[in-house]
N, C-alpha and C. Protein backbone atom coordinates (compact mmCIF):
# COMPACT_ATOMS: atom_id res chain seq x y z
N MET A 1 -36.09 -1.27 -30.81
CA MET A 1 -35.28 -0.09 -31.02
C MET A 1 -35.99 1.13 -30.48
N GLY A 2 -35.21 2.19 -30.24
CA GLY A 2 -35.81 3.42 -29.77
C GLY A 2 -35.64 3.66 -28.29
N ARG A 3 -35.34 2.60 -27.55
CA ARG A 3 -35.16 2.76 -26.11
C ARG A 3 -33.69 2.94 -25.81
N ILE A 4 -33.38 3.88 -24.96
CA ILE A 4 -32.00 4.13 -24.57
C ILE A 4 -31.77 3.45 -23.23
N GLY A 5 -30.79 2.60 -23.19
CA GLY A 5 -30.48 1.88 -21.96
C GLY A 5 -29.45 2.61 -21.13
N PHE A 6 -29.14 2.02 -19.99
CA PHE A 6 -28.18 2.62 -19.07
C PHE A 6 -26.79 2.71 -19.68
N GLN A 7 -26.39 1.71 -20.42
CA GLN A 7 -25.06 1.70 -21.02
C GLN A 7 -24.92 2.80 -22.07
N GLU A 8 -25.95 3.05 -22.84
CA GLU A 8 -25.89 4.11 -23.84
C GLU A 8 -25.80 5.48 -23.19
N ILE A 9 -26.57 5.68 -22.14
CA ILE A 9 -26.52 6.95 -21.42
C ILE A 9 -25.14 7.16 -20.82
N LEU A 10 -24.60 6.13 -20.24
CA LEU A 10 -23.26 6.21 -19.65
C LEU A 10 -22.22 6.53 -20.72
N LEU A 11 -22.35 5.95 -21.89
CA LEU A 11 -21.43 6.22 -22.99
C LEU A 11 -21.53 7.68 -23.43
N VAL A 12 -22.74 8.19 -23.55
CA VAL A 12 -22.93 9.59 -23.96
C VAL A 12 -22.31 10.54 -22.94
N PHE A 13 -22.56 10.29 -21.65
CA PHE A 13 -21.99 11.15 -20.62
C PHE A 13 -20.47 11.06 -20.59
N GLY A 14 -19.95 9.87 -20.81
CA GLY A 14 -18.49 9.71 -20.86
C GLY A 14 -17.87 10.47 -22.01
N LEU A 15 -18.50 10.39 -23.18
CA LEU A 15 -17.99 11.14 -24.33
C LEU A 15 -18.09 12.65 -24.11
N ALA A 16 -19.18 13.09 -23.52
CA ALA A 16 -19.33 14.52 -23.24
C ALA A 16 -18.26 14.99 -22.27
N LEU A 17 -17.95 14.16 -21.29
CA LEU A 17 -16.91 14.51 -20.32
C LEU A 17 -15.55 14.61 -21.01
N LEU A 18 -15.27 13.71 -21.93
CA LEU A 18 -14.00 13.75 -22.64
C LEU A 18 -13.92 14.94 -23.59
N ILE A 19 -15.01 15.25 -24.26
CA ILE A 19 -15.00 16.32 -25.26
C ILE A 19 -14.98 17.69 -24.61
N PHE A 20 -15.87 17.92 -23.64
CA PHE A 20 -16.02 19.25 -23.08
C PHE A 20 -15.23 19.48 -21.82
N GLY A 21 -14.93 18.44 -21.09
CA GLY A 21 -14.20 18.59 -19.84
C GLY A 21 -15.14 18.83 -18.68
N PRO A 22 -14.63 18.59 -17.47
CA PRO A 22 -15.50 18.70 -16.29
C PRO A 22 -15.93 20.12 -15.96
N SER A 23 -15.19 21.12 -16.40
CA SER A 23 -15.55 22.50 -16.05
C SER A 23 -16.71 23.03 -16.90
N LYS A 24 -16.89 22.52 -18.11
CA LYS A 24 -17.94 23.02 -19.00
C LYS A 24 -19.26 22.27 -18.84
N LEU A 25 -19.24 21.07 -18.29
CA LEU A 25 -20.46 20.28 -18.20
C LEU A 25 -21.58 20.95 -17.40
N PRO A 26 -21.30 21.60 -16.26
CA PRO A 26 -22.40 22.28 -15.56
C PRO A 26 -23.03 23.41 -16.37
N GLU A 27 -22.20 24.13 -17.13
CA GLU A 27 -22.73 25.20 -17.98
C GLU A 27 -23.61 24.63 -19.08
N ILE A 28 -23.18 23.54 -19.68
CA ILE A 28 -23.95 22.91 -20.74
C ILE A 28 -25.28 22.38 -20.20
N GLY A 29 -25.23 21.75 -19.05
CA GLY A 29 -26.45 21.24 -18.43
C GLY A 29 -27.43 22.35 -18.09
N LYS A 30 -26.90 23.45 -17.60
CA LYS A 30 -27.75 24.59 -17.25
C LYS A 30 -28.43 25.17 -18.50
N SER A 31 -27.66 25.34 -19.56
CA SER A 31 -28.25 25.90 -20.78
C SER A 31 -29.24 24.93 -21.42
N MET A 32 -28.97 23.63 -21.34
CA MET A 32 -29.93 22.65 -21.86
C MET A 32 -31.22 22.67 -21.04
N GLY A 33 -31.10 22.82 -19.74
CA GLY A 33 -32.28 22.90 -18.88
C GLY A 33 -33.13 24.12 -19.20
N LYS A 34 -32.47 25.25 -19.44
CA LYS A 34 -33.21 26.46 -19.82
C LYS A 34 -33.92 26.28 -21.15
N GLY A 35 -33.24 25.65 -22.09
CA GLY A 35 -33.85 25.42 -23.40
C GLY A 35 -35.06 24.52 -23.32
N ILE A 36 -34.95 23.45 -22.54
CA ILE A 36 -36.08 22.53 -22.37
C ILE A 36 -37.24 23.22 -21.68
N ARG A 37 -36.93 24.04 -20.67
CA ARG A 37 -37.98 24.77 -19.95
C ARG A 37 -38.70 25.74 -20.89
N GLU A 38 -37.95 26.47 -21.74
CA GLU A 38 -38.56 27.40 -22.68
C GLU A 38 -39.41 26.65 -23.71
N PHE A 39 -38.93 25.48 -24.15
CA PHE A 39 -39.69 24.68 -25.11
C PHE A 39 -41.00 24.22 -24.51
N LYS A 40 -40.97 23.76 -23.26
CA LYS A 40 -42.20 23.32 -22.59
C LYS A 40 -43.18 24.47 -22.43
N THR A 41 -42.67 25.65 -22.08
CA THR A 41 -43.53 26.82 -21.91
C THR A 41 -44.18 27.20 -23.23
N ALA A 42 -43.39 27.21 -24.31
CA ALA A 42 -43.93 27.57 -25.61
C ALA A 42 -44.97 26.54 -26.07
N THR A 43 -44.69 25.26 -25.83
CA THR A 43 -45.62 24.21 -26.21
C THR A 43 -46.93 24.35 -25.45
N LYS A 44 -46.84 24.66 -24.15
CA LYS A 44 -48.05 24.83 -23.34
C LYS A 44 -48.86 26.03 -23.83
N GLU A 45 -48.18 27.12 -24.18
CA GLU A 45 -48.89 28.29 -24.67
C GLU A 45 -49.62 27.99 -25.98
N ILE A 46 -48.96 27.26 -26.87
CA ILE A 46 -49.59 26.91 -28.14
C ILE A 46 -50.79 26.00 -27.91
N THR A 47 -50.64 25.02 -27.03
CA THR A 47 -51.73 24.10 -26.73
C THR A 47 -52.91 24.85 -26.12
N ASP A 48 -52.63 25.78 -25.22
CA ASP A 48 -53.69 26.56 -24.60
C ASP A 48 -54.42 27.42 -25.64
N SER A 49 -53.66 28.05 -26.55
CA SER A 49 -54.30 28.90 -27.55
C SER A 49 -55.14 28.08 -28.52
N VAL A 50 -54.68 26.88 -28.85
CA VAL A 50 -55.46 26.02 -29.75
C VAL A 50 -56.74 25.55 -29.06
N SER A 51 -56.64 25.21 -27.79
CA SER A 51 -57.83 24.76 -27.07
C SER A 51 -58.82 25.91 -26.90
N LEU A 52 -58.34 27.13 -26.72
CA LEU A 52 -59.23 28.28 -26.64
C LEU A 52 -59.91 28.53 -27.98
N ASP A 53 -59.17 28.39 -29.08
CA ASP A 53 -59.76 28.59 -30.40
C ASP A 53 -60.82 27.55 -30.68
N GLU A 54 -60.60 26.31 -30.29
CA GLU A 54 -61.59 25.26 -30.51
C GLU A 54 -62.85 25.52 -29.68
N GLY A 55 -62.68 26.02 -28.48
CA GLY A 55 -63.83 26.32 -27.63
C GLY A 55 -64.67 27.46 -28.18
N SER A 56 -64.03 28.46 -28.79
CA SER A 56 -64.78 29.59 -29.32
C SER A 56 -65.47 29.22 -30.62
N SER A 57 -64.90 28.29 -31.39
CA SER A 57 -65.55 27.89 -32.64
C SER A 57 -66.78 27.00 -32.39
N ASP A 58 -66.80 26.32 -31.25
CA ASP A 58 -67.96 25.48 -30.89
C ASP A 58 -69.18 26.35 -30.59
N LYS A 59 -68.96 27.55 -30.06
CA LYS A 59 -70.06 28.40 -29.64
C LYS A 59 -70.70 29.14 -30.81
N LYS A 60 -70.03 29.20 -31.97
CA LYS A 60 -70.55 29.95 -33.11
C LYS A 60 -71.69 29.26 -33.77
């Protein structure tokens, strides 16, 4: 369990197409891409700040 196969992905895209329609899907994809990009940026910033804090505590 936990792995998503091709059939499941196809089912999800088919349902999204039926629910939202073909005109809204590009907008939804664009907003999801922006959200993922912002999440990755925030995660990287937090990781960088934690690694900097660990480096400064080693020197004390």
